[in-house]
Amino acid sequence: MMMTRLDKVRQLQEVFIDSATYCSNSTEEDYSKLRSELLKDSVIRDLLPQFVKDCDQLLKFRPFIQAMFKGYKERREFIWNQFQPVIAFLDEQNIIGNQPADDDISTILSNFDTEHIHIAWRKALERRNHDPEGAITMARTLIESVCKHILDEAGIPYKDNKGSDLYELPQLYSKTATQLNLAPEQHQEDIFKQILGGCKSVIGGLAGVRNRLSDSHGKGKQAVKPSPRHAALAVNLAGSMAAFLVATWEERSS
């Protein structure tokens, strides 16, 4: 079973507690691998305790904690308190967004394009809780990048989104959907027309919420400020649609 971010953070917390109370069974290699993986994770890196960043070897932690506290109880409480911000953040993220689904989408998108598309997805995830407006902007960017990538690979021309040749997202999606045989009018069965029409509506909604709630436009005095749950909805919908488009394109290409 794949370990989640929260699992890994709790495991690292236990490694430090064991080291502080002289019952550590973790090797330097185990610690180094776990620490390195978490420090490379831009979503949580800044929330990790400072001693995680300072102690590049586990053996350096024991003299650090010994100098601060004599008793095991105080050491454990200190470590728990230091890890609380990152654990609370990940607990909240698990309520707002579904991390296993995030990971599935990440796998699909990273295999399709390791630069623009995957970067847009990761930025949307990273901003989902702390920068809802920026997350909504990246959700729209993700869909636009996927559509353009598919059309480029298919050799289908489209207008660039510069100057007077602005090509709105719904039109860009419609062109992509037609290429993938996902346009509602390309099907006879009512259930398929309904589902694919719903996908088209999702894209229109993402374009609309981006114009209304994202950080891509100036705001007036009565502007609505999105919350993390608004951003989570936009990002999750964009991720699901992007993965669906990529999977369909790869199946048709093969």
Protein backbone atom coordinates (compact mmCIF):
# COMPACT_ATOMS: atom_id res chain seq x y z
CA MET A 1 0.00 0.00 0.00
CA MET A 2 1.35 3.42 -1.01
CA MET A 3 2.28 5.69 1.88
CA THR A 4 0.64 9.09 1.87
CA ARG A 5 2.40 12.34 2.77
CA LEU A 6 0.77 12.17 6.19
CA ASP A 7 2.05 8.62 6.74
CA LYS A 8 5.58 9.69 5.89
CA VAL A 9 5.45 12.75 8.14
CA ARG A 10 4.17 10.68 11.07
CA GLN A 11 6.89 8.12 10.42
CA LEU A 12 9.55 10.83 10.52
CA GLN A 13 8.06 12.17 13.75
CA GLU A 14 8.34 8.72 15.33
CA VAL A 15 11.96 8.44 14.17
CA PHE A 16 12.81 11.62 16.09
CA ILE A 17 10.85 10.51 19.16
CA ASP A 18 12.64 7.16 19.17
CA SER A 19 15.99 8.89 18.83
CA ALA A 20 15.16 11.31 21.65
CA THR A 21 14.17 8.46 23.99
CA TYR A 22 17.02 6.08 23.12
CA CYS A 23 14.91 3.39 21.43
CA SER A 24 15.62 4.14 17.78
CA ASN A 25 15.73 1.27 15.33
CA SER A 26 16.02 3.49 12.27
CA THR A 27 19.25 3.48 10.29
CA GLU A 28 20.93 6.58 8.94
CA GLU A 29 20.06 5.36 5.45
CA ASP A 30 16.35 5.07 6.31
CA TYR A 31 16.34 8.50 7.91
CA SER A 32 18.24 10.14 5.07
CA LYS A 33 15.88 8.72 2.44
CA LEU A 34 12.72 9.76 4.30
CA ARG A 35 14.05 13.21 5.19
CA SER A 36 15.24 13.88 1.64
CA GLU A 37 11.90 12.86 0.15
CA LEU A 38 9.92 15.16 2.43
CA LEU A 39 12.26 18.12 1.99
CA LYS A 40 11.88 17.83 -1.78
CA ASP A 41 8.10 18.02 -1.46
CA SER A 42 7.31 21.69 -2.08
CA VAL A 43 3.79 21.28 -0.67
CA ILE A 44 5.00 20.65 2.90
CA ARG A 45 8.71 21.55 2.96
CA ASP A 46 8.22 24.93 4.66
CA LEU A 47 5.96 23.42 7.34
CA LEU A 48 8.48 20.87 8.57
CA PRO A 49 10.31 21.57 11.86
CA GLN A 50 13.57 23.48 11.55
CA PHE A 51 15.54 20.62 13.11
CA VAL A 52 14.52 18.38 10.18
CA LYS A 53 16.27 20.82 7.86
CA ASP A 54 19.27 21.26 10.17
CA CYS A 55 19.96 17.61 10.99
CA ASP A 56 21.22 16.04 7.78
CA GLN A 57 22.17 13.02 9.92
CA LEU A 58 20.04 11.45 12.61
CA LEU A 59 22.97 11.26 15.01
CA LYS A 60 23.03 15.08 15.11
CA PHE A 61 19.54 15.23 16.58
CA ARG A 62 20.24 13.51 19.90
CA PRO A 63 22.74 16.10 21.23
CA PHE A 64 20.39 18.84 20.03
CA ILE A 65 17.41 17.48 22.00
CA GLN A 66 19.56 16.54 25.02
CA ALA A 67 20.72 20.14 25.35
CA MET A 68 17.13 21.38 25.35
CA PHE A 69 15.36 18.87 27.63
CA LYS A 70 16.50 16.36 30.22
CA GLY A 71 13.31 14.32 30.48
CA TYR A 72 11.78 12.04 27.85
CA LYS A 73 8.30 13.49 28.40
CA GLU A 74 9.42 17.02 27.56
CA ARG A 75 11.30 15.78 24.50
CA ARG A 76 8.26 13.94 23.16
CA GLU A 77 5.98 16.93 23.72
CA PHE A 78 8.45 19.25 21.97
CA ILE A 79 8.63 16.98 18.90
CA TRP A 80 4.84 16.57 18.77
CA ASN A 81 4.38 20.35 18.95
CA GLN A 82 6.96 20.96 16.23
CA PHE A 83 5.27 18.51 13.86
CA GLN A 84 1.75 19.74 14.63
CA PRO A 85 1.55 22.43 11.88
CA VAL A 86 2.41 20.06 9.04
CA ILE A 87 0.20 17.27 10.41
CA ALA A 88 -2.74 19.66 10.84
CA PHE A 89 -2.24 20.93 7.29
CA LEU A 90 -2.24 17.41 5.85
CA ASP A 91 -5.27 16.42 7.92
CA GLU A 92 -7.13 19.42 6.47
CA GLN A 93 -5.94 18.59 2.96
CA ASN A 94 -7.29 15.07 3.28
CA ILE A 95 -10.70 16.52 4.20
CA ILE A 96 -10.76 19.10 1.40
CA GLY A 97 -9.07 17.07 -1.32
CA ASN A 98 -8.59 13.40 -2.04
CA GLN A 99 -4.86 12.72 -2.09
CA PRO A 100 -5.02 9.21 -3.65
CA ALA A 101 -6.97 10.73 -6.57
CA ASP A 102 -4.36 13.52 -6.77
CA ASP A 103 -1.65 10.90 -7.06
CA ASP A 104 -3.50 8.98 -9.80
CA ILE A 105 -3.96 12.14 -11.83
CA SER A 106 -0.32 13.12 -11.24
CA THR A 107 0.83 9.80 -12.67
CA ILE A 108 -1.25 10.20 -15.83
CA LEU A 109 -0.22 13.80 -16.44
CA SER A 110 3.48 13.35 -15.67
CA ASN A 111 3.69 10.50 -18.18
CA PHE A 112 2.00 12.63 -20.84
CA ASP A 113 4.11 15.76 -20.53
CA THR A 114 6.80 16.21 -17.88
CA GLU A 115 7.01 19.98 -18.20
CA HIS A 116 4.09 22.34 -18.84
CA ILE A 117 1.12 20.13 -17.97
CA HIS A 118 2.53 18.42 -14.89
CA ILE A 119 3.92 21.71 -13.59
CA ALA A 120 0.50 23.36 -13.95
CA TRP A 121 -1.10 20.46 -12.03
CA ARG A 122 1.47 20.56 -9.22
CA LYS A 123 1.08 24.34 -8.86
CA ALA A 124 -2.70 23.96 -8.68
CA LEU A 125 -2.33 21.37 -5.90
CA GLU A 126 0.21 23.42 -3.98
CA ARG A 127 -1.97 26.54 -4.04
CA ARG A 128 -5.29 24.80 -3.37
CA ASN A 129 -5.39 25.49 0.38
CA HIS A 130 -3.22 28.59 0.85
CA ASP A 131 -3.81 30.52 -2.40
CA PRO A 132 -7.32 29.68 -3.70
CA GLU A 133 -7.27 32.40 -6.36
CA GLY A 134 -3.95 31.21 -7.75
CA ALA A 135 -5.12 27.59 -7.67
CA ILE A 136 -8.20 28.45 -9.75
CA THR A 137 -5.99 30.22 -12.30
CA MET A 138 -3.75 27.15 -12.57
CA ALA A 139 -6.78 24.84 -12.91
CA ARG A 140 -7.81 26.75 -16.02
CA THR A 141 -4.20 26.79 -17.28
CA LEU A 142 -4.02 23.01 -16.86
CA ILE A 143 -7.02 22.37 -19.13
CA GLU A 144 -5.77 24.88 -21.70
CA SER A 145 -2.32 23.24 -21.77
CA VAL A 146 -3.76 19.74 -22.18
CA CYS A 147 -6.04 20.82 -25.03
CA LYS A 148 -3.23 22.63 -26.85
CA HIS A 149 -0.83 19.73 -26.37
CA ILE A 150 -3.32 17.25 -27.84
CA LEU A 151 -4.12 19.52 -30.77
CA ASP A 152 -0.41 20.08 -31.42
CA GLU A 153 0.26 16.34 -31.47
CA ALA A 154 -2.74 15.79 -33.75
CA GLY A 155 -1.55 18.52 -36.11
CA ILE A 156 -4.77 20.50 -35.64
CA PRO A 157 -4.32 24.31 -35.87
CA TYR A 158 -5.85 26.67 -33.33
CA LYS A 159 -5.58 30.37 -32.67
CA ASP A 160 -3.04 31.40 -30.08
CA ASN A 161 -4.32 33.31 -27.05
CA LYS A 162 -2.49 36.53 -27.84
CA GLY A 163 -3.83 39.90 -28.92
CA SER A 164 -6.91 39.88 -31.15
CA ASP A 165 -6.66 36.12 -31.73
CA LEU A 166 -7.89 35.29 -28.23
CA TYR A 167 -9.21 31.73 -28.22
CA GLU A 168 -11.48 31.10 -25.26
CA LEU A 169 -11.22 27.86 -23.28
CA PRO A 170 -14.70 26.51 -24.21
CA GLN A 171 -13.86 26.84 -27.92
CA LEU A 172 -10.44 25.27 -27.40
CA TYR A 173 -12.03 22.36 -25.52
CA SER A 174 -14.71 21.89 -28.19
CA LYS A 175 -12.02 21.60 -30.87
CA THR A 176 -10.16 19.05 -28.74
CA ALA A 177 -13.31 17.09 -27.90
CA THR A 178 -14.22 16.84 -31.58
CA GLN A 179 -10.74 15.50 -32.36
CA LEU A 180 -11.18 12.87 -29.61
CA ASN A 181 -14.75 11.99 -30.59
CA LEU A 182 -15.97 13.35 -27.25
CA ALA A 183 -18.34 16.02 -28.56
CA PRO A 184 -21.98 15.32 -27.56
CA GLU A 185 -23.19 15.77 -31.15
CA GLN A 186 -20.90 12.96 -32.30
CA HIS A 187 -22.95 10.37 -30.39
CA GLN A 188 -26.46 8.97 -30.71
CA GLU A 189 -26.99 7.40 -27.28
CA ASP A 190 -28.71 9.83 -24.93
CA ILE A 191 -26.62 8.74 -21.93
CA PHE A 192 -23.35 9.48 -23.74
CA LYS A 193 -24.68 12.80 -25.02
CA GLN A 194 -25.66 13.67 -21.44
CA ILE A 195 -22.30 12.72 -19.91
CA LEU A 196 -20.24 14.43 -22.60
CA GLY A 197 -22.49 17.47 -22.40
CA GLY A 198 -21.76 17.55 -18.68
CA CYS A 199 -18.02 17.50 -19.42
CA LYS A 200 -18.49 20.47 -21.75
CA SER A 201 -20.41 22.30 -19.03
CA VAL A 202 -17.59 21.62 -16.53
CA ILE A 203 -15.10 23.30 -18.86
CA GLY A 204 -17.42 26.26 -19.31
CA GLY A 205 -17.78 26.48 -15.55
CA LEU A 206 -14.02 26.41 -15.03
CA ALA A 207 -13.59 29.22 -17.54
CA GLY A 208 -16.31 31.21 -15.79
CA VAL A 209 -15.03 30.69 -12.25
CA ARG A 210 -11.54 31.61 -13.39
CA ASN A 211 -12.83 34.94 -14.75
CA ARG A 212 -14.89 35.60 -11.61
CA LEU A 213 -12.80 34.28 -8.72
CA SER A 214 -9.18 33.80 -9.81
CA ASP A 215 -6.27 36.25 -9.57
CA SER A 216 -6.16 36.75 -13.34
CA HIS A 217 -8.18 40.00 -13.30
CA GLY A 218 -8.39 43.13 -11.19
CA LYS A 219 -11.05 43.22 -8.46
CA GLY A 220 -13.60 45.79 -7.41
CA LYS A 221 -14.80 46.58 -3.89
CA GLN A 222 -17.56 43.95 -4.00
CA ALA A 223 -15.38 41.14 -5.38
CA VAL A 224 -16.05 37.63 -4.11
CA LYS A 225 -13.04 35.97 -2.51
CA PRO A 226 -12.83 32.19 -3.07
CA SER A 227 -12.24 29.82 -0.16
CA PRO A 228 -10.10 26.64 -0.21
CA ARG A 229 -13.21 24.55 -0.88
CA HIS A 230 -13.94 26.58 -4.04
CA ALA A 231 -10.34 26.08 -5.16
CA ALA A 232 -10.50 22.35 -4.31
CA LEU A 233 -13.60 21.95 -6.47
CA ALA A 234 -12.01 23.77 -9.42
CA VAL A 235 -8.68 21.93 -9.13
CA ASN A 236 -10.27 18.50 -8.68
CA LEU A 237 -12.59 19.01 -11.67
CA ALA A 238 -9.74 20.29 -13.83
CA GLY A 239 -7.50 17.40 -12.82
CA SER A 240 -10.18 14.80 -13.57
CA MET A 241 -10.99 16.35 -16.94
CA ALA A 242 -7.31 16.69 -17.87
CA ALA A 243 -6.65 13.04 -16.99
CA PHE A 244 -9.73 11.96 -19.00
CA LEU A 245 -8.59 13.89 -22.07
CA VAL A 246 -5.04 12.55 -21.82
CA ALA A 247 -6.21 8.93 -21.33
CA THR A 248 -8.58 9.23 -24.30
CA TRP A 249 -5.88 10.71 -26.52
CA GLU A 250 -3.36 8.02 -25.60
CA GLU A 251 -5.90 5.25 -26.21
CA ARG A 252 -6.83 6.62 -29.62
CA SER A 253 -3.18 7.21 -30.52
CA SER A 254 -2.21 3.64 -29.68
